[in-house]
Amino acid sequence: MSPRTNGTSEPLTGLSHLEGARNEEPFVRYYLHLVDYVLWATVIVAQVVLFVEAIRRRVAADLPRFLAYLAFLSFDSVVLLLISTYLPYKVYFYT
């Protein structure tokens, strides 16, 4: 038996323990730990707080593109978190 196989004709990928079924793709959540989710949530909260404060202080009049960028970042982070949690890795990779 060669070191690159697991006793079958299929080579080891290093991720076989993460895959539920052979035809099923692994999810991103299999690779993330609690610390990763805490950091991700912290970034989302910080972006939302910055966006709300920018609206409260009427920054939109002076920097409308910055406010739009903050809104996009907040929305994008939440969508990527949902995609990484509920959809396969391929979908997350291509978004």
PDB file of N, CA and C in Angstrom:
ATOM      1  N   MET A   1       0.850  -1.169   0.000  1.00  0.00           N
ATOM      2  CA  MET A   1       0.000   0.000   0.000  1.00  0.00           C
ATOM      3  C   MET A   1       0.899   1.236   0.000  1.00  0.00           C
ATOM      4  N   SER A   2       0.677   2.128  -0.955  1.00  0.00           N
ATOM      5  CA  SER A   2       1.505   3.331  -1.044  1.00  0.00           C
ATOM      6  C   SER A   2       1.011   4.367  -0.033  1.00  0.00           C
ATOM      7  N   PRO A   3       1.869   5.310   0.350  1.00  0.00           N
ATOM      8  CA  PRO A   3       1.464   6.309   1.337  1.00  0.00           C
ATOM      9  C   PRO A   3       0.411   7.291   0.829  1.00  0.00           C
ATOM     10  N   ARG A   4       0.151   7.317  -0.467  1.00  0.00           N
ATOM     11  CA  ARG A   4      -0.821   8.256  -1.034  1.00  0.00           C
ATOM     12  C   ARG A   4      -2.214   7.656  -1.161  1.00  0.00           C
ATOM     13  N   THR A   5      -2.421   6.423  -0.718  1.00  0.00           N
ATOM     14  CA  THR A   5      -3.742   5.817  -0.813  1.00  0.00           C
ATOM     15  C   THR A   5      -4.189   5.355   0.560  1.00  0.00           C
ATOM     16  N   ASN A   6      -5.484   5.101   0.672  1.00  0.00           N
ATOM     17  CA  ASN A   6      -6.028   4.656   1.946  1.00  0.00           C
ATOM     18  C   ASN A   6      -6.427   3.182   1.899  1.00  0.00           C
ATOM     19  N   GLY A   7      -5.757   2.407   1.082  1.00  0.00           N
ATOM     20  CA  GLY A   7      -6.071   0.987   0.959  1.00  0.00           C
ATOM     21  C   GLY A   7      -7.022   0.705  -0.186  1.00  0.00           C
ATOM     22  N   THR A   8      -7.613   1.736  -0.744  1.00  0.00           N
ATOM     23  CA  THR A   8      -8.482   1.578  -1.918  1.00  0.00           C
ATOM     24  C   THR A   8      -7.751   2.141  -3.117  1.00  0.00           C
ATOM     25  N   SER A   9      -8.422   2.168  -4.244  1.00  0.00           N
ATOM     26  CA  SER A   9      -7.784   2.702  -5.443  1.00  0.00           C
ATOM     27  C   SER A   9      -7.836   4.226  -5.480  1.00  0.00           C
ATOM     28  N   GLU A  10      -8.544   4.848  -4.518  1.00  0.00           N
ATOM     29  CA  GLU A  10      -8.666   6.303  -4.516  1.00  0.00           C
ATOM     30  C   GLU A  10      -7.530   6.927  -3.709  1.00  0.00           C
ATOM     31  N   PRO A  11      -6.921   8.002  -4.233  1.00  0.00           N
ATOM     32  CA  PRO A  11      -5.856   8.664  -3.481  1.00  0.00           C
ATOM     33  C   PRO A  11      -6.429   9.443  -2.312  1.00  0.00           C
ATOM     34  N   LEU A  12      -5.601   9.649  -1.301  1.00  0.00           N
ATOM     35  CA  LEU A  12      -6.018  10.455  -0.163  1.00  0.00           C
ATOM     36  C   LEU A  12      -6.009  11.928  -0.553  1.00  0.00           C
ATOM     37  N   THR A  13      -7.044  12.627  -0.158  1.00  0.00           N
ATOM     38  CA  THR A  13      -7.096  14.057  -0.455  1.00  0.00           C
ATOM     39  C   THR A  13      -6.757  14.892   0.761  1.00  0.00           C
ATOM     40  N   GLY A  14      -6.745  14.297   1.931  1.00  0.00           N
ATOM     41  CA  GLY A  14      -6.517  15.060   3.138  1.00  0.00           C
ATOM     42  C   GLY A  14      -7.798  15.635   3.708  1.00  0.00           C
ATOM     43  N   LEU A  15      -8.882  15.588   2.937  1.00  0.00           N
ATOM     44  CA  LEU A  15     -10.157  16.130   3.379  1.00  0.00           C
ATOM     45  C   LEU A  15     -11.235  15.055   3.460  1.00  0.00           C
ATOM     46  N   SER A  16     -10.850  13.798   3.329  1.00  0.00           N
ATOM     47  CA  SER A  16     -11.850  12.736   3.293  1.00  0.00           C
ATOM     48  C   SER A  16     -12.626  12.638   4.594  1.00  0.00           C
ATOM     49  N   HIS A  17     -12.026  13.023   5.706  1.00  0.00           N
ATOM     50  CA  HIS A  17     -12.738  12.977   6.982  1.00  0.00           C
ATOM     51  C   HIS A  17     -13.769  14.097   7.093  1.00  0.00           C
ATOM     52  N   LEU A  18     -13.676  15.130   6.247  1.00  0.00           N
ATOM     53  CA  LEU A  18     -14.617  16.238   6.296  1.00  0.00           C
ATOM     54  C   LEU A  18     -15.832  16.016   5.412  1.00  0.00           C
ATOM     55  N   GLU A  19     -15.739  15.154   4.462  1.00  0.00           N
ATOM     56  CA  GLU A  19     -16.819  14.937   3.518  1.00  0.00           C
ATOM     57  C   GLU A  19     -17.795  13.915   4.075  1.00  0.00           C
ATOM     58  N   GLY A  20     -19.088  14.266   4.046  1.00  0.00           N
ATOM     59  CA  GLY A  20     -20.109  13.363   4.554  1.00  0.00           C
ATOM     60  C   GLY A  20     -20.249  12.136   3.671  1.00  0.00           C
ATOM     61  N   ALA A  21     -20.585  12.340   2.432  1.00  0.00           N
ATOM     62  CA  ALA A  21     -20.696  11.263   1.458  1.00  0.00           C
ATOM     63  C   ALA A  21     -19.684  11.526   0.356  1.00  0.00           C
ATOM     64  N   ARG A  22     -19.379  10.521  -0.399  1.00  0.00           N
ATOM     65  CA  ARG A  22     -18.358  10.696  -1.442  1.00  0.00           C
ATOM     66  C   ARG A  22     -18.787  11.682  -2.516  1.00  0.00           C
ATOM     67  N   ASN A  23     -20.071  11.743  -2.842  1.00  0.00           N
ATOM     68  CA  ASN A  23     -20.548  12.645  -3.886  1.00  0.00           C
ATOM     69  C   ASN A  23     -20.905  14.021  -3.336  1.00  0.00           C
ATOM     70  N   GLU A  24     -20.903  14.171  -2.054  1.00  0.00           N
ATOM     71  CA  GLU A  24     -21.305  15.427  -1.431  1.00  0.00           C
ATOM     72  C   GLU A  24     -20.092  16.327  -1.247  1.00  0.00           C
ATOM     73  N   GLU A  25     -20.253  17.619  -1.590  1.00  0.00           N
ATOM     74  CA  GLU A  25     -19.161  18.565  -1.429  1.00  0.00           C
ATOM     75  C   GLU A  25     -19.099  19.042   0.019  1.00  0.00           C
ATOM     76  N   PRO A  26     -17.905  19.290   0.523  1.00  0.00           N
ATOM     77  CA  PRO A  26     -17.804  19.792   1.902  1.00  0.00           C
ATOM     78  C   PRO A  26     -18.264  21.242   1.987  1.00  0.00           C
ATOM     79  N   PHE A  27     -18.759  21.620   3.131  1.00  0.00           N
ATOM     80  CA  PHE A  27     -19.174  22.985   3.382  1.00  0.00           C
ATOM     81  C   PHE A  27     -18.024  23.755   4.016  1.00  0.00           C
ATOM     82  N   VAL A  28     -18.057  25.071   3.880  1.00  0.00           N
ATOM     83  CA  VAL A  28     -17.015  25.904   4.470  1.00  0.00           C
ATOM     84  C   VAL A  28     -17.033  25.758   5.985  1.00  0.00           C
ATOM     85  N   ARG A  29     -18.206  25.532   6.559  1.00  0.00           N
ATOM     86  CA  ARG A  29     -18.309  25.457   8.021  1.00  0.00           C
ATOM     87  C   ARG A  29     -17.500  24.305   8.601  1.00  0.00           C
ATOM     88  N   TYR A  30     -17.150  23.318   7.775  1.00  0.00           N
ATOM     89  CA  TYR A  30     -16.311  22.225   8.257  1.00  0.00           C
ATOM     90  C   TYR A  30     -14.877  22.689   8.524  1.00  0.00           C
ATOM     91  N   TYR A  31     -14.474  23.776   7.887  1.00  0.00           N
ATOM     92  CA  TYR A  31     -13.111  24.269   8.024  1.00  0.00           C
ATOM     93  C   TYR A  31     -12.973  25.336   9.098  1.00  0.00           C
ATOM     94  N   LEU A  32     -14.098  25.916   9.525  1.00  0.00           N
ATOM     95  CA  LEU A  32     -14.050  27.036  10.459  1.00  0.00           C
ATOM     96  C   LEU A  32     -14.272  26.580  11.892  1.00  0.00           C
ATOM     97  N   HIS A  33     -13.631  27.276  12.816  1.00  0.00           N
ATOM     98  CA  HIS A  33     -13.773  26.998  14.236  1.00  0.00           C
ATOM     99  C   HIS A  33     -14.531  28.155  14.885  1.00  0.00           C
ATOM    100  N   LEU A  34     -14.800  28.038  16.163  1.00  0.00           N
ATOM    101  CA  LEU A  34     -15.541  29.073  16.878  1.00  0.00           C
ATOM    102  C   LEU A  34     -14.831  30.426  16.802  1.00  0.00           C
ATOM    103  N   VAL A  35     -13.519  30.414  16.893  1.00  0.00           N
ATOM    104  CA  VAL A  35     -12.756  31.666  16.828  1.00  0.00           C
ATOM    105  C   VAL A  35     -12.980  32.360  15.483  1.00  0.00           C
ATOM    106  N   ASP A  36     -13.034  31.586  14.406  1.00  0.00           N
ATOM    107  CA  ASP A  36     -13.268  32.167  13.085  1.00  0.00           C
ATOM    108  C   ASP A  36     -14.623  32.854  13.014  1.00  0.00           C
ATOM    109  N   TYR A  37     -15.636  32.193  13.574  1.00  0.00           N
ATOM    110  CA  TYR A  37     -16.972  32.793  13.567  1.00  0.00           C
ATOM    111  C   TYR A  37     -17.039  34.033  14.456  1.00  0.00           C
ATOM    112  N   VAL A  38     -16.347  34.020  15.579  1.00  0.00           N
ATOM    113  CA  VAL A  38     -16.333  35.193  16.463  1.00  0.00           C
ATOM    114  C   VAL A  38     -15.666  36.372  15.747  1.00  0.00           C
ATOM    115  N   LEU A  39     -14.553  36.119  15.089  1.00  0.00           N
ATOM    116  CA  LEU A  39     -13.881  37.190  14.346  1.00  0.00           C
ATOM    117  C   LEU A  39     -14.747  37.703  13.203  1.00  0.00           C
ATOM    118  N   TRP A  40     -15.399  36.804  12.502  1.00  0.00           N
ATOM    119  CA  TRP A  40     -16.269  37.189  11.388  1.00  0.00           C
ATOM    120  C   TRP A  40     -17.429  38.030  11.907  1.00  0.00           C
ATOM    121  N   ALA A  41     -18.050  37.604  12.992  1.00  0.00           N
ATOM    122  CA  ALA A  41     -19.169  38.356  13.573  1.00  0.00           C
ATOM    123  C   ALA A  41     -18.709  39.718  14.079  1.00  0.00           C
ATOM    124  N   THR A  42     -17.509  39.782  14.640  1.00  0.00           N
ATOM    125  CA  THR A  42     -16.971  41.057  15.121  1.00  0.00           C
ATOM    126  C   THR A  42     -16.790  42.044  13.970  1.00  0.00           C
ATOM    127  N   VAL A  43     -16.294  41.561  12.859  1.00  0.00           N
ATOM    128  CA  VAL A  43     -16.121  42.423  11.687  1.00  0.00           C
ATOM    129  C   VAL A  43     -17.472  42.914  11.180  1.00  0.00           C
ATOM    130  N   ILE A  44     -18.464  42.037  11.137  1.00  0.00           N
ATOM    131  CA  ILE A  44     -19.793  42.437  10.674  1.00  0.00           C
ATOM    132  C   ILE A  44     -20.390  43.484  11.600  1.00  0.00           C
ATOM    133  N   VAL A  45     -20.284  43.257  12.896  1.00  0.00           N
ATOM    134  CA  VAL A  45     -20.822  44.225  13.865  1.00  0.00           C
ATOM    135  C   VAL A  45     -20.102  45.565  13.729  1.00  0.00           C
ATOM    136  N   ALA A  46     -18.791  45.547  13.580  1.00  0.00           N
ATOM    137  CA  ALA A  46     -18.031  46.789  13.425  1.00  0.00           C
ATOM    138  C   ALA A  46     -18.450  47.536  12.155  1.00  0.00           C
ATOM    139  N   GLN A  47     -18.671  46.824  11.075  1.00  0.00           N
ATOM    140  CA  GLN A  47     -19.097  47.461   9.831  1.00  0.00           C
ATOM    141  C   GLN A  47     -20.484  48.079   9.974  1.00  0.00           C
ATOM    142  N   VAL A  48     -21.381  47.362  10.623  1.00  0.00           N
ATOM    143  CA  VAL A  48     -22.740  47.878  10.804  1.00  0.00           C
ATOM    144  C   VAL A  48     -22.725  49.099  11.727  1.00  0.00           C
ATOM    145  N   VAL A  49     -21.944  49.045  12.807  1.00  0.00           N
ATOM    146  CA  VAL A  49     -21.845  50.189  13.726  1.00  0.00           C
ATOM    147  C   VAL A  49     -21.273  51.399  12.996  1.00  0.00           C
ATOM    148  N   LEU A  50     -20.248  51.196  12.202  1.00  0.00           N
ATOM    149  CA  LEU A  50     -19.656  52.299  11.439  1.00  0.00           C
ATOM    150  C   LEU A  50     -20.666  52.873  10.458  1.00  0.00           C
ATOM    151  N   PHE A  51     -21.442  52.023   9.804  1.00  0.00           N
ATOM    152  CA  PHE A  51     -22.461  52.475   8.863  1.00  0.00           C
ATOM    153  C   PHE A  51     -23.541  53.286   9.575  1.00  0.00           C
ATOM    154  N   VAL A  52     -24.022  52.796  10.705  1.00  0.00           N
ATOM    155  CA  VAL A  52     -25.065  53.496  11.453  1.00  0.00           C
ATOM    156  C   VAL A  52     -24.542  54.842  11.967  1.00  0.00           C
ATOM    157  N   GLU A  53     -23.325  54.868  12.467  1.00  0.00           N
ATOM    158  CA  GLU A  53     -22.744  56.123  12.939  1.00  0.00           C
ATOM    159  C   GLU A  53     -22.545  57.112  11.795  1.00  0.00           C
ATOM    160  N   ALA A  54     -22.182  56.625  10.633  1.00  0.00           N
ATOM    161  CA  ALA A  54     -22.019  57.507   9.478  1.00  0.00           C
ATOM    162  C   ALA A  54     -23.359  58.119   9.073  1.00  0.00           C
ATOM    163  N   ILE A  55     -24.424  57.346   9.169  1.00  0.00           N
ATOM    164  CA  ILE A  55     -25.754  57.887   8.865  1.00  0.00           C
ATOM    165  C   ILE A  55     -26.164  58.889   9.938  1.00  0.00           C
ATOM    166  N   ARG A  56     -25.935  58.540  11.194  1.00  0.00           N
ATOM    167  CA  ARG A  56     -26.317  59.414  12.303  1.00  0.00           C
ATOM    168  C   ARG A  56     -25.608  60.769  12.245  1.00  0.00           C
ATOM    169  N   ARG A  57     -24.371  60.763  11.835  1.00  0.00           N
ATOM    170  CA  ARG A  57     -23.599  62.016  11.784  1.00  0.00           C
ATOM    171  C   ARG A  57     -23.697  62.706  10.428  1.00  0.00           C
ATOM    172  N   ARG A  58     -24.573  62.215   9.591  1.00  0.00           N
ATOM    173  CA  ARG A  58     -24.850  62.821   8.278  1.00  0.00           C
ATOM    174  C   ARG A  58     -23.597  62.930   7.400  1.00  0.00           C
ATOM    175  N   VAL A  59     -22.868  61.844   7.329  1.00  0.00           N
ATOM    176  CA  VAL A  59     -21.668  61.792   6.498  1.00  0.00           C
ATOM    177  C   VAL A  59     -22.051  61.673   5.022  1.00  0.00           C
ATOM    178  N   ALA A  60     -23.254  61.225   4.741  1.00  0.00           N
ATOM    179  CA  ALA A  60     -23.691  60.990   3.365  1.00  0.00           C
ATOM    180  C   ALA A  60     -23.621  62.262   2.520  1.00  0.00           C
ATOM    181  N   ALA A  61     -23.822  63.405   3.143  1.00  0.00           N
ATOM    182  CA  ALA A  61     -23.775  64.656   2.386  1.00  0.00           C
ATOM    183  C   ALA A  61     -22.361  64.936   1.873  1.00  0.00           C
ATOM    184  N   ASP A  62     -21.374  64.620   2.687  1.00  0.00           N
ATOM    185  CA  ASP A  62     -19.986  64.889   2.295  1.00  0.00           C
ATOM    186  C   ASP A  62     -19.335  63.719   1.555  1.00  0.00           C
ATOM    187  N   LEU A  63     -19.642  62.507   1.985  1.00  0.00           N
ATOM    188  CA  LEU A  63     -18.992  61.313   1.426  1.00  0.00           C
ATOM    189  C   LEU A  63     -20.034  60.250   1.034  1.00  0.00           C
ATOM    190  N   PRO A  64     -20.824  60.498  -0.001  1.00  0.00           N
ATOM    191  CA  PRO A  64     -21.874  59.543  -0.353  1.00  0.00           C
ATOM    192  C   PRO A  64     -21.333  58.191  -0.839  1.00  0.00           C
ATOM    193  N   ARG A  65     -20.205  58.204  -1.526  1.00  0.00           N
ATOM    194  CA  ARG A  65     -19.648  56.932  -2.010  1.00  0.00           C
ATOM    195  C   ARG A  65     -19.084  56.094  -0.864  1.00  0.00           C
ATOM    196  N   PHE A  66     -18.532  56.754   0.140  1.00  0.00           N
ATOM    197  CA  PHE A  66     -18.041  56.046   1.308  1.00  0.00           C
ATOM    198  C   PHE A  66     -19.189  55.359   2.038  1.00  0.00           C
ATOM    199  N   LEU A  67     -20.307  56.050   2.168  1.00  0.00           N
ATOM    200  CA  LEU A  67     -21.472  55.465   2.823  1.00  0.00           C
ATOM    201  C   LEU A  67     -22.014  54.285   2.016  1.00  0.00           C
ATOM    202  N   ALA A  68     -22.037  54.431   0.709  1.00  0.00           N
ATOM    203  CA  ALA A  68     -22.485  53.318  -0.146  1.00  0.00           C
ATOM    204  C   ALA A  68     -21.528  52.130  -0.019  1.00  0.00           C
ATOM    205  N   TYR A  69     -20.239  52.412   0.077  1.00  0.00           N
ATOM    206  CA  TYR A  69     -19.247  51.345   0.245  1.00  0.00           C
ATOM    207  C   TYR A  69     -19.421  50.633   1.584  1.00  0.00           C
ATOM    208  N   LEU A  70     -19.686  51.381   2.639  1.00  0.00           N
ATOM    209  CA  LEU A  70     -19.948  50.776   3.945  1.00  0.00           C
ATOM    210  C   LEU A  70     -21.190  49.892   3.903  1.00  0.00           C
ATOM    211  N   ALA A  71     -22.222  50.362   3.220  1.00  0.00           N
ATOM    212  CA  ALA A  71     -23.447  49.562   3.095  1.00  0.00           C
ATOM    213  C   ALA A  71     -23.158  48.270   2.332  1.00  0.00           C
ATOM    214  N   PHE A  72     -22.384  48.385   1.257  1.00  0.00           N
ATOM    215  CA  PHE A  72     -22.034  47.190   0.481  1.00  0.00           C
ATOM    216  C   PHE A  72     -21.209  46.209   1.308  1.00  0.00           C
ATOM    217  N   LEU A  73     -20.230  46.709   2.056  1.00  0.00           N
ATOM    218  CA  LEU A  73     -19.398  45.825   2.883  1.00  0.00           C
ATOM    219  C   LEU A  73     -20.228  45.082   3.929  1.00  0.00           C
ATOM    220  N   SER A  74     -21.135  45.795   4.567  1.00  0.00           N
ATOM    221  CA  SER A  74     -21.981  45.170   5.584  1.00  0.00           C
ATOM    222  C   SER A  74     -22.853  44.094   4.971  1.00  0.00           C
ATOM    223  N   PHE A  75     -23.492  44.424   3.859  1.00  0.00           N
ATOM    224  CA  PHE A  75     -24.368  43.462   3.182  1.00  0.00           C
ATOM    225  C   PHE A  75     -23.575  42.268   2.676  1.00  0.00           C
ATOM    226  N   ASP A  76     -22.428  42.532   2.078  1.00  0.00           N
ATOM    227  CA  ASP A  76     -21.587  41.474   1.521  1.00  0.00           C
ATOM    228  C   ASP A  76     -21.109  40.503   2.607  1.00  0.00           C
ATOM    229  N   SER A  77     -20.711  41.028   3.742  1.00  0.00           N
ATOM    230  CA  SER A  77     -20.233  40.169   4.828  1.00  0.00           C
ATOM    231  C   SER A  77     -21.327  39.245   5.349  1.00  0.00           C
ATOM    232  N   VAL A  78     -22.528  39.777   5.494  1.00  0.00           N
ATOM    233  CA  VAL A  78     -23.644  38.952   5.971  1.00  0.00           C
ATOM    234  C   VAL A  78     -23.992  37.884   4.941  1.00  0.00           C
ATOM    235  N   VAL A  79     -24.028  38.263   3.672  1.00  0.00           N
ATOM    236  CA  VAL A  79     -24.364  37.289   2.616  1.00  0.00           C
ATOM    237  C   VAL A  79     -23.305  36.192   2.543  1.00  0.00           C
ATOM    238  N   LEU A  80     -22.031  36.554   2.629  1.00  0.00           N
ATOM    239  CA  LEU A  80     -20.969  35.543   2.577  1.00  0.00           C
ATOM    240  C   LEU A  80     -21.017  34.612   3.785  1.00  0.00           C
ATOM    241  N   LEU A  81     -21.379  35.140   4.946  1.00  0.00           N
ATOM    242  CA  LEU A  81     -21.529  34.292   6.124  1.00  0.00           C
ATOM    243  C   LEU A  81     -22.659  33.288   5.922  1.00  0.00           C
ATOM    244  N   LEU A  82     -23.771  33.737   5.374  1.00  0.00           N
ATOM    245  CA  LEU A  82     -24.896  32.829   5.113  1.00  0.00           C
ATOM    246  C   LEU A  82     -24.536  31.795   4.044  1.00  0.00           C
ATOM    247  N   ILE A  83     -23.856  32.235   2.992  1.00  0.00           N
ATOM    248  CA  ILE A  83     -23.449  31.302   1.937  1.00  0.00           C
ATOM    249  C   ILE A  83     -22.482  30.263   2.495  1.00  0.00           C
ATOM    250  N   SER A  84     -21.525  30.693   3.294  1.00  0.00           N
ATOM    251  CA  SER A  84     -20.542  29.748   3.836  1.00  0.00           C
ATOM    252  C   SER A  84     -21.174  28.762   4.801  1.00  0.00           C
ATOM    253  N   THR A  85     -22.261  29.148   5.432  1.00  0.00           N
ATOM    254  CA  THR A  85     -22.909  28.278   6.401  1.00  0.00           C
ATOM    255  C   THR A  85     -23.835  27.272   5.746  1.00  0.00           C
ATOM    256  N   TYR A  86     -24.565  27.682   4.720  1.00  0.00           N
ATOM    257  CA  TYR A  86     -25.631  26.841   4.186  1.00  0.00           C
ATOM    258  C   TYR A  86     -25.380  26.268   2.797  1.00  0.00           C
ATOM    259  N   LEU A  87     -24.377  26.728   2.089  1.00  0.00           N
ATOM    260  CA  LEU A  87     -24.132  26.252   0.728  1.00  0.00           C
ATOM    261  C   LEU A  87     -22.744  25.616   0.638  1.00  0.00           C
ATOM    262  N   PRO A  88     -22.517  24.774  -0.379  1.00  0.00           N
ATOM    263  CA  PRO A  88     -21.214  24.113  -0.522  1.00  0.00           C
ATOM    264  C   PRO A  88     -20.071  25.101  -0.772  1.00  0.00           C
ATOM    265  N   TYR A  89     -18.870  24.612  -0.582  1.00  0.00           N
ATOM    266  CA  TYR A  89     -17.663  25.436  -0.699  1.00  0.00           C
ATOM    267  C   TYR A  89     -17.527  26.064  -2.088  1.00  0.00           C
ATOM    268  N   LYS A  90     -17.916  25.330  -3.123  1.00  0.00           N
ATOM    269  CA  LYS A  90     -17.787  25.850  -4.483  1.00  0.00           C
ATOM    270  C   LYS A  90     -18.550  27.159  -4.659  1.00  0.00           C
ATOM    271  N   VAL A  91     -19.742  27.225  -4.100  1.00  0.00           N
ATOM    272  CA  VAL A  91     -20.541  28.434  -4.200  1.00  0.00           C
ATOM    273  C   VAL A  91     -19.850  29.585  -3.478  1.00  0.00           C
ATOM    274  N   TYR A  92     -19.339  29.319  -2.295  1.00  0.00           N
ATOM    275  CA  TYR A  92     -18.622  30.346  -1.528  1.00  0.00           C
ATOM    276  C   TYR A  92     -17.377  30.791  -2.285  1.00  0.00           C
ATOM    277  N   PHE A  93     -16.656  29.856  -2.865  1.00  0.00           N
ATOM    278  CA  PHE A  93     -15.424  30.173  -3.578  1.00  0.00           C
ATOM    279  C   PHE A  93     -15.684  31.106  -4.761  1.00  0.00           C
ATOM    280  N   TYR A  94     -16.753  30.867  -5.515  1.00  0.00           N
ATOM    281  CA  TYR A  94     -17.022  31.661  -6.710  1.00  0.00           C
ATOM    282  C   TYR A  94     -17.782  32.941  -6.410  1.00  0.00           C
ATOM    283  N   THR A  95     -18.155  33.194  -5.159  1.00  0.00           N
ATOM    284  CA  THR A  95     -18.801  34.475  -4.851  1.00  0.00           C
ATOM    285  C   THR A  95     -17.761  35.354  -4.333  1.00  0.00           C
TER     286      THR A  95
END
